[in-house]
Amino acid sequence: MKTRIYILLSLVTLSACKPPGAGEVRYETTPVSRGNLRAVVTASGTLGAVVSVDVGCQVSGRIMKLNADFNTLVKRGDLIAELDTSIYSSKVKAAEGELASAGASVTLKKQNLDRKKSLLPLRAATELDVEQAVAELTQAEATVTIKEAALDQAKTDLGFCRITAPVDGIVVSRKVDLGQTVVAAMSTPVLFTIAQDIKKMRITATVSEADIGGVKKGNKVNFTVDAFPDDIFSGDVVQVRIAPTTTENVVTYETLIDVENPEQRLFPGMTADVSILTAERNDVLKVPNTALRFTPPDGSKMTGTTNAKLQRKQQLVYALEGSGKEQTLRAVIVTTGITDNSETEILDGLDASALVVTASLGGTNEAAGGPPPSL
């Protein structure tokens, strides 16, 4: 019996120690403020030259000379490599000989035709003989044309043994070595890659389909690279390509961003973390995004309509009114504008300095963070 009495006394003591107001919900609030907002789209991309040219070889052969290497500055027309020319020089000589032979044949056919024409009045030759001589001359002249084309081809192939720079720029890649044999078969082998001007570079960024709607030509861009983590570089969107790329059910679109690189600190191939400015507002009403995500707990004192059908760009926030035990939440439908993913512009529904709720803190002791009452 004594044990039971002790338990009853303990329960009474616990009840008596319960602080007044325990269990009441308290709220974390913030006033609606004025300020500036910048809406940005984040993406990643790769830096490259605005114009990069792959320099190939149209004939097969062994590399005899290399006059360019990585980082070599070249001018258009500069000789940067040369193949072994012995085979192609021989082909030129052979084609020249065949052309000379065809030319001699034409001369012979002309003489034969003239002879047949002179014998025709003497009845030593017939009309058929003359016609046949004309046909043979025509055939010989056609052969000359064919041999001239063959000689031109042989000379062209010989010229291809000299690899020249097609543009002014800097060599960013060399893919052959001295003495290496290159084979031009189904595709043209690439010997060098020349960036036309790395003082002007381009980022090819991939933007998700959810964000691409806000990206337009002319948008300002800030970006960083790992090589210079404390520096912020800038650029401009020059093109949004409408061709989609799907990877693991994620759809993205290529966005081209032009960048000035006067000091040549940025190199082709660097990864850029990009922030594209899609909208900017100054001196607007704004609230934290946590206020737009807040849902009142059960038992909250409420006013206003919470089940209204919201239109596009409308959201529900809760303003705190009153004080102490008389505090109530008023549901407010607001029209939102741009967001920087931390705060959102309020176009309609709230006035400056109104208190919007961002979180519920539970009872008094929970909010104060103190220990439970002692017995």
Protein backbone atom coordinates (compact mmCIF):
# COMPACT_ATOMS: atom_id res chain seq x y z
CA MET A 1 0.00 0.00 0.00
CA LYS A 2 2.83 2.35 0.77
CA THR A 3 4.25 1.76 -2.67
CA ARG A 4 0.95 2.66 -4.28
CA ILE A 5 0.67 5.84 -2.27
CA TYR A 6 4.19 6.79 -3.34
CA ILE A 7 3.29 6.35 -7.00
CA LEU A 8 0.18 8.44 -6.65
CA LEU A 9 2.15 11.18 -4.93
CA SER A 10 4.72 11.09 -7.72
CA LEU A 11 2.06 11.52 -10.38
CA VAL A 12 0.57 14.44 -8.50
CA THR A 13 4.01 16.01 -8.20
CA LEU A 14 4.64 15.60 -11.95
CA SER A 15 1.31 17.20 -12.76
CA ALA A 16 2.01 20.07 -10.43
CA CYS A 17 5.44 20.65 -12.01
CA LYS A 18 4.07 20.94 -15.53
CA PRO A 19 4.80 24.54 -16.60
CA PRO A 20 1.95 26.74 -17.72
CA GLY A 21 1.61 26.98 -21.47
CA ALA A 22 3.41 23.69 -22.16
CA GLY A 23 2.26 22.20 -25.42
CA GLU A 24 1.44 25.59 -26.96
CA VAL A 25 2.88 26.00 -30.45
CA ARG A 26 5.33 28.82 -31.00
CA TYR A 27 6.39 30.09 -34.41
CA GLU A 28 9.55 31.30 -36.03
CA THR A 29 8.80 34.39 -38.13
CA THR A 30 10.51 36.88 -40.36
CA PRO A 31 9.24 40.22 -41.67
CA VAL A 32 8.54 40.78 -45.34
CA SER A 33 11.46 42.91 -46.52
CA ARG A 34 12.55 44.96 -49.47
CA GLY A 35 15.69 44.29 -51.46
CA ASN A 36 17.25 43.11 -54.69
CA LEU A 37 16.89 39.67 -56.25
CA ARG A 38 18.88 37.88 -58.95
CA ALA A 39 17.49 34.70 -60.52
CA VAL A 40 20.23 32.42 -61.81
CA VAL A 41 20.46 29.05 -63.54
CA THR A 42 23.41 26.89 -62.57
CA ALA A 43 25.12 24.50 -64.95
CA SER A 44 28.52 23.09 -65.82
CA GLY A 45 30.42 23.10 -69.07
CA THR A 46 33.77 22.82 -70.79
CA LEU A 47 35.96 25.63 -72.07
CA GLY A 48 37.23 25.54 -75.62
CA ALA A 49 38.39 27.84 -78.39
CA VAL A 50 35.68 29.61 -80.38
CA VAL A 51 37.19 28.10 -83.55
CA SER A 52 39.31 24.94 -83.40
CA VAL A 53 40.56 23.39 -86.62
CA ASP A 54 41.71 19.79 -86.98
CA VAL A 55 44.59 19.69 -89.45
CA GLY A 56 44.57 16.39 -91.34
CA CYS A 57 46.43 14.62 -94.08
CA GLN A 58 44.79 13.59 -97.36
CA VAL A 59 47.54 11.18 -98.45
CA SER A 60 49.41 8.36 -96.75
CA GLY A 61 53.09 8.49 -95.94
CA ARG A 62 55.84 8.74 -93.37
CA ILE A 63 56.33 11.95 -91.39
CA MET A 64 59.70 13.40 -92.46
CA LYS A 65 59.50 16.84 -90.82
CA LEU A 66 57.62 18.34 -87.88
CA ASN A 67 57.82 22.10 -87.67
CA ALA A 68 55.18 22.62 -84.96
CA ASP A 69 54.59 21.32 -81.46
CA PHE A 70 52.25 22.01 -78.55
CA ASN A 71 51.76 25.76 -77.93
CA THR A 72 53.44 26.73 -81.23
CA LEU A 73 52.06 29.97 -82.65
CA VAL A 74 51.42 29.57 -86.37
CA LYS A 75 50.30 31.77 -89.25
CA ARG A 76 48.07 30.69 -92.09
CA GLY A 77 50.18 28.94 -94.74
CA ASP A 78 53.08 28.05 -92.42
CA LEU A 79 54.62 24.64 -93.14
CA ILE A 80 54.00 22.59 -90.00
CA ALA A 81 54.75 19.04 -91.25
CA GLU A 82 56.00 17.21 -94.34
CA LEU A 83 55.55 13.64 -95.57
CA ASP A 84 57.97 11.51 -97.55
CA THR A 85 57.58 12.73 -101.16
CA SER A 86 59.51 10.01 -103.03
CA ILE A 87 56.46 7.94 -104.01
CA TYR A 88 54.42 10.96 -105.10
CA SER A 89 57.32 12.49 -107.05
CA SER A 90 57.59 9.23 -108.99
CA LYS A 91 53.88 9.32 -109.74
CA VAL A 92 54.24 12.84 -111.11
CA LYS A 93 57.05 11.76 -113.45
CA ALA A 94 55.03 8.75 -114.62
CA ALA A 95 52.02 10.95 -115.31
CA GLU A 96 54.18 13.41 -117.22
CA GLY A 97 55.52 10.57 -119.38
CA GLU A 98 52.03 9.24 -120.10
CA LEU A 99 50.89 12.74 -121.06
CA ALA A 100 53.83 13.15 -123.44
CA SER A 101 53.04 9.78 -125.02
CA ALA A 102 49.39 10.78 -125.47
CA GLY A 103 50.49 14.06 -127.06
CA ALA A 104 52.73 12.23 -129.53
CA SER A 105 49.80 10.00 -130.44
CA VAL A 106 47.71 13.08 -131.23
CA THR A 107 50.42 14.40 -133.52
CA LEU A 108 50.60 11.06 -135.33
CA LYS A 109 46.80 10.91 -135.75
CA LYS A 110 46.72 14.44 -137.16
CA GLN A 111 49.38 13.53 -139.74
CA ASN A 112 47.43 10.41 -140.69
CA LEU A 113 44.24 12.42 -141.14
CA ASP A 114 45.99 14.99 -143.35
CA ARG A 115 47.46 12.21 -145.51
CA LYS A 116 44.07 10.54 -145.96
CA LYS A 117 42.52 13.85 -146.97
CA SER A 118 45.25 14.45 -149.58
CA LEU A 119 44.76 10.96 -151.07
CA LEU A 120 41.00 11.34 -151.27
CA PRO A 121 41.00 13.36 -154.59
CA LEU A 122 43.39 10.81 -156.10
CA ARG A 123 40.97 8.04 -155.17
CA ALA A 124 43.79 6.44 -153.12
CA ALA A 125 41.65 6.76 -150.02
CA THR A 126 37.93 6.56 -149.42
CA GLU A 127 35.54 8.67 -147.39
CA LEU A 128 35.46 5.84 -144.86
CA ASP A 129 39.23 6.07 -144.42
CA VAL A 130 38.96 9.81 -143.70
CA GLU A 131 36.12 9.32 -141.18
CA GLN A 132 38.10 6.61 -139.38
CA ALA A 133 41.16 8.93 -139.20
CA VAL A 134 38.99 11.70 -137.72
CA ALA A 135 37.66 9.32 -135.05
CA GLU A 136 41.18 8.15 -134.15
CA LEU A 137 42.34 11.76 -133.76
CA THR A 138 39.37 12.58 -131.52
CA GLN A 139 40.12 9.53 -129.36
CA ALA A 140 43.79 10.52 -129.07
CA GLU A 141 42.85 14.07 -127.99
CA ALA A 142 40.51 12.64 -125.35
CA THR A 143 43.35 10.51 -124.04
CA VAL A 144 45.46 13.66 -123.71
CA THR A 145 42.72 15.24 -121.57
CA ILE A 146 42.64 12.14 -119.33
CA LYS A 147 46.41 12.13 -118.94
CA GLU A 148 46.42 15.85 -118.11
CA ALA A 149 43.91 15.18 -115.31
CA ALA A 150 46.07 12.30 -114.04
CA LEU A 151 49.10 14.60 -113.96
CA ASP A 152 47.13 17.26 -112.07
CA GLN A 153 46.06 14.60 -109.52
CA ALA A 154 49.64 13.41 -109.09
CA LYS A 155 50.86 16.97 -108.54
CA THR A 156 48.04 17.60 -106.07
CA ASP A 157 48.94 14.47 -104.09
CA LEU A 158 52.56 15.62 -104.07
CA GLY A 159 51.43 18.99 -102.73
CA PHE A 160 49.46 17.26 -99.96
CA CYS A 161 52.78 16.00 -98.60
CA ARG A 162 53.32 19.55 -97.33
CA ILE A 163 50.99 20.17 -94.37
CA THR A 164 50.33 23.86 -93.81
CA ALA A 165 48.37 25.75 -91.17
CA PRO A 166 44.89 26.64 -92.47
CA VAL A 167 44.39 29.49 -89.94
CA ASP A 168 46.33 31.76 -87.62
CA GLY A 169 46.40 30.37 -84.10
CA ILE A 170 48.13 28.18 -81.56
CA VAL A 171 48.72 24.43 -81.70
CA VAL A 172 46.80 22.85 -78.81
CA SER A 173 47.30 19.23 -79.85
CA ARG A 174 49.93 17.26 -81.79
CA LYS A 175 48.92 13.67 -82.51
CA VAL A 176 51.87 12.39 -84.61
CA ASP A 177 55.61 11.93 -84.12
CA LEU A 178 58.58 12.22 -86.45
CA GLY A 179 58.95 9.02 -88.51
CA GLN A 180 55.39 7.87 -87.87
CA THR A 181 53.44 6.56 -90.87
CA VAL A 182 49.96 7.99 -91.37
CA VAL A 183 47.37 6.19 -93.46
CA ALA A 184 44.63 8.12 -95.23
CA ALA A 185 42.06 5.43 -95.90
CA MET A 186 38.38 5.72 -94.98
CA SER A 187 38.96 8.88 -92.89
CA THR A 188 41.48 11.69 -92.83
CA PRO A 189 44.03 11.23 -90.04
CA VAL A 190 44.32 14.27 -87.74
CA LEU A 191 47.88 15.52 -87.20
CA PHE A 192 47.29 18.75 -85.25
CA THR A 193 44.52 20.75 -83.64
CA ILE A 194 44.88 24.52 -83.94
CA ALA A 195 42.88 26.92 -81.79
CA GLN A 196 42.34 30.01 -83.87
CA ASP A 197 42.43 32.47 -80.95
CA ILE A 198 42.33 31.50 -77.26
CA LYS A 199 41.99 35.15 -76.27
CA LYS A 200 38.33 34.53 -77.07
CA MET A 201 36.97 31.27 -75.70
CA ARG A 202 33.63 29.51 -75.51
CA ILE A 203 31.93 27.42 -72.83
CA THR A 204 29.67 24.62 -73.98
CA ALA A 205 27.35 24.23 -70.97
CA THR A 206 24.59 21.67 -70.43
CA VAL A 207 21.37 23.14 -69.01
CA SER A 208 18.53 20.96 -67.76
CA GLU A 209 15.12 21.10 -69.41
CA ALA A 210 13.61 22.53 -66.21
CA ASP A 211 15.87 25.61 -66.41
CA ILE A 212 16.33 26.12 -70.13
CA GLY A 213 13.15 28.21 -70.50
CA GLY A 214 14.74 31.15 -68.70
CA VAL A 215 18.00 31.09 -70.67
CA LYS A 216 18.17 33.50 -73.61
CA LYS A 217 20.81 34.90 -75.94
CA GLY A 218 22.46 37.86 -74.25
CA ASN A 219 22.09 36.61 -70.65
CA LYS A 220 25.06 37.58 -68.46
CA VAL A 221 27.10 34.72 -67.05
CA ASN A 222 29.52 34.34 -64.13
CA PHE A 223 31.63 31.21 -63.79
CA THR A 224 34.55 29.71 -61.89
CA VAL A 225 37.17 27.11 -62.73
CA ASP A 226 39.09 24.83 -60.39
CA ALA A 227 42.42 26.32 -61.46
CA PHE A 228 41.42 29.73 -60.01
CA PRO A 229 38.84 28.98 -57.29
CA ASP A 230 38.91 32.53 -55.85
CA ASP A 231 38.35 34.28 -59.18
CA ILE A 232 35.03 34.91 -60.89
CA PHE A 233 35.04 35.17 -64.68
CA SER A 234 32.26 36.55 -66.87
CA GLY A 235 30.73 35.90 -70.28
CA ASP A 236 27.55 36.13 -72.35
CA VAL A 237 25.14 33.53 -73.74
CA VAL A 238 25.44 33.54 -77.54
CA GLN A 239 23.33 30.52 -78.48
CA VAL A 240 20.86 28.05 -77.00
CA ARG A 241 20.80 24.93 -79.14
CA ILE A 242 17.38 23.32 -79.44
CA ALA A 243 18.77 19.83 -80.06
CA PRO A 244 18.16 17.81 -76.85
CA THR A 245 20.56 15.33 -75.29
CA THR A 246 19.09 12.56 -73.11
CA THR A 247 21.30 10.78 -70.59
CA GLU A 248 19.70 8.35 -68.12
CA ASN A 249 16.28 9.97 -68.75
CA VAL A 250 17.69 13.46 -68.03
CA VAL A 251 17.15 15.92 -70.89
CA THR A 252 19.66 18.74 -71.32
CA TYR A 253 20.36 21.41 -73.92
CA GLU A 254 23.71 22.82 -75.01
CA THR A 255 24.18 26.49 -74.25
CA LEU A 256 27.13 28.37 -75.77
CA ILE A 257 28.78 31.12 -73.72
CA ASP A 258 31.46 33.42 -75.15
CA VAL A 259 34.27 34.47 -72.81
CA GLU A 260 37.04 37.05 -73.11
CA ASN A 261 40.44 35.61 -72.19
CA PRO A 262 42.96 38.44 -72.85
CA GLU A 263 45.55 37.13 -70.37
CA GLN A 264 45.13 33.55 -71.65
CA ARG A 265 44.69 32.24 -68.10
CA LEU A 266 41.86 29.97 -69.20
CA PHE A 267 42.86 26.83 -71.11
CA PRO A 268 40.83 24.64 -73.46
CA GLY A 269 39.29 21.67 -71.64
CA MET A 270 38.83 23.37 -68.25
CA THR A 271 35.55 22.63 -66.46
CA ALA A 272 33.48 25.74 -65.72
CA ASP A 273 30.80 26.01 -63.01
CA VAL A 274 28.34 28.43 -64.57
CA SER A 275 25.71 30.79 -63.15
CA ILE A 276 23.47 32.29 -65.84
CA LEU A 277 21.61 35.45 -64.80
CA THR A 278 18.07 35.02 -66.13
CA ALA A 279 16.30 37.87 -64.29
CA GLU A 280 17.09 40.73 -61.92
CA ARG A 281 14.76 42.86 -59.75
CA ASN A 282 15.66 45.83 -57.53
CA ASP A 283 13.81 47.12 -54.45
CA VAL A 284 11.09 44.44 -54.41
CA LEU A 285 9.16 42.76 -51.60
CA LYS A 286 10.60 39.35 -50.80
CA VAL A 287 10.21 36.50 -48.34
CA PRO A 288 12.37 33.47 -47.51
CA ASN A 289 11.49 30.35 -49.46
CA THR A 290 10.96 28.56 -46.14
CA ALA A 291 7.83 30.71 -45.69
CA LEU A 292 6.42 29.30 -48.93
CA ARG A 293 7.07 25.74 -47.78
CA PHE A 294 5.64 26.13 -44.25
CA THR A 295 2.63 23.99 -43.28
CA PRO A 296 0.87 24.78 -39.98
CA PRO A 297 0.88 21.98 -37.36
CA ASP A 298 -2.37 20.51 -36.06
CA GLY A 299 -4.07 22.69 -33.49
CA SER A 300 -2.91 26.01 -34.89
CA LYS A 301 -5.33 28.90 -34.59
CA MET A 302 -6.18 29.82 -38.16
CA THR A 303 -7.98 32.50 -40.11
CA GLY A 304 -8.35 32.93 -43.85
CA THR A 305 -8.97 30.37 -46.59
CA THR A 306 -6.51 27.46 -46.87
CA ASN A 307 -8.29 25.36 -49.48
CA ALA A 308 -8.62 27.92 -52.27
CA LYS A 309 -7.63 26.84 -55.77
CA LEU A 310 -4.33 28.52 -56.53
CA GLN A 311 -3.58 29.96 -59.92
CA ARG A 312 -0.22 29.85 -61.68
CA LYS A 313 2.40 31.87 -59.77
CA GLN A 314 0.23 31.82 -56.63
CA GLN A 315 1.28 30.26 -53.33
CA LEU A 316 0.04 30.11 -49.76
CA VAL A 317 1.90 31.76 -46.87
CA TYR A 318 0.92 32.29 -43.25
CA ALA A 319 1.16 35.66 -41.51
CA LEU A 320 1.34 35.76 -37.71
CA GLU A 321 -1.12 38.14 -36.05
CA GLY A 322 -1.76 39.04 -32.42
CA SER A 323 0.48 38.26 -29.43
CA GLY A 324 0.80 35.73 -26.65
CA LYS A 325 -2.08 33.29 -26.38
CA GLU A 326 -4.02 35.39 -28.87
CA GLN A 327 -1.63 34.68 -31.73
CA THR A 328 -3.30 33.38 -34.88
CA LEU A 329 -2.12 32.38 -38.33
CA ARG A 330 -3.73 34.15 -41.28
CA ALA A 331 -3.55 32.24 -44.57
CA VAL A 332 -2.59 34.59 -47.36
CA ILE A 333 -2.55 33.87 -51.10
CA VAL A 334 0.42 35.65 -52.65
CA THR A 335 1.54 36.12 -56.24
CA THR A 336 5.23 35.30 -56.63
CA GLY A 337 7.87 36.55 -59.03
CA ILE A 338 11.48 35.52 -59.48
CA THR A 339 13.53 33.56 -56.95
CA ASP A 340 17.22 33.17 -56.21
CA ASN A 341 16.48 29.79 -54.59
CA SER A 342 16.77 31.40 -51.15
CA GLU A 343 14.23 34.22 -51.32
CA THR A 344 11.24 34.87 -53.60
CA GLU A 345 9.74 38.09 -54.91
CA ILE A 346 6.19 38.89 -53.73
CA LEU A 347 4.16 40.72 -56.36
CA ASP A 348 0.84 40.84 -54.52
CA GLY A 349 -0.80 39.74 -51.26
CA LEU A 350 1.56 41.04 -48.56
CA ASP A 351 2.77 44.41 -47.30
CA ALA A 352 6.24 45.29 -46.10
CA SER A 353 6.95 44.40 -42.44
CA ALA A 354 4.20 41.75 -42.26
CA LEU A 355 5.39 38.77 -40.24
CA VAL A 356 5.40 35.50 -42.19
CA VAL A 357 5.90 32.15 -40.48
CA THR A 358 8.90 30.06 -41.52
CA ALA A 359 8.75 27.24 -38.93
CA SER A 360 6.91 25.99 -35.85
CA LEU A 361 8.89 25.61 -32.61
CA GLY A 362 6.55 23.44 -30.56
CA GLY A 363 5.93 24.04 -26.83
CA THR A 364 7.58 26.63 -24.59
CA ASN A 365 10.24 24.36 -23.13
CA GLU A 366 11.03 22.85 -26.54
CA ALA A 367 11.42 26.30 -28.02
CA ALA A 368 13.58 27.49 -25.16
CA GLY A 369 15.77 24.44 -25.47
CA GLY A 370 15.92 23.99 -21.63
CA PRO A 371 15.84 20.72 -19.66
CA PRO A 372 12.59 19.15 -18.48
CA PRO A 373 11.34 20.29 -15.04
CA SER A 374 12.88 18.46 -12.09
CA LEU A 375 10.82 16.66 -9.51
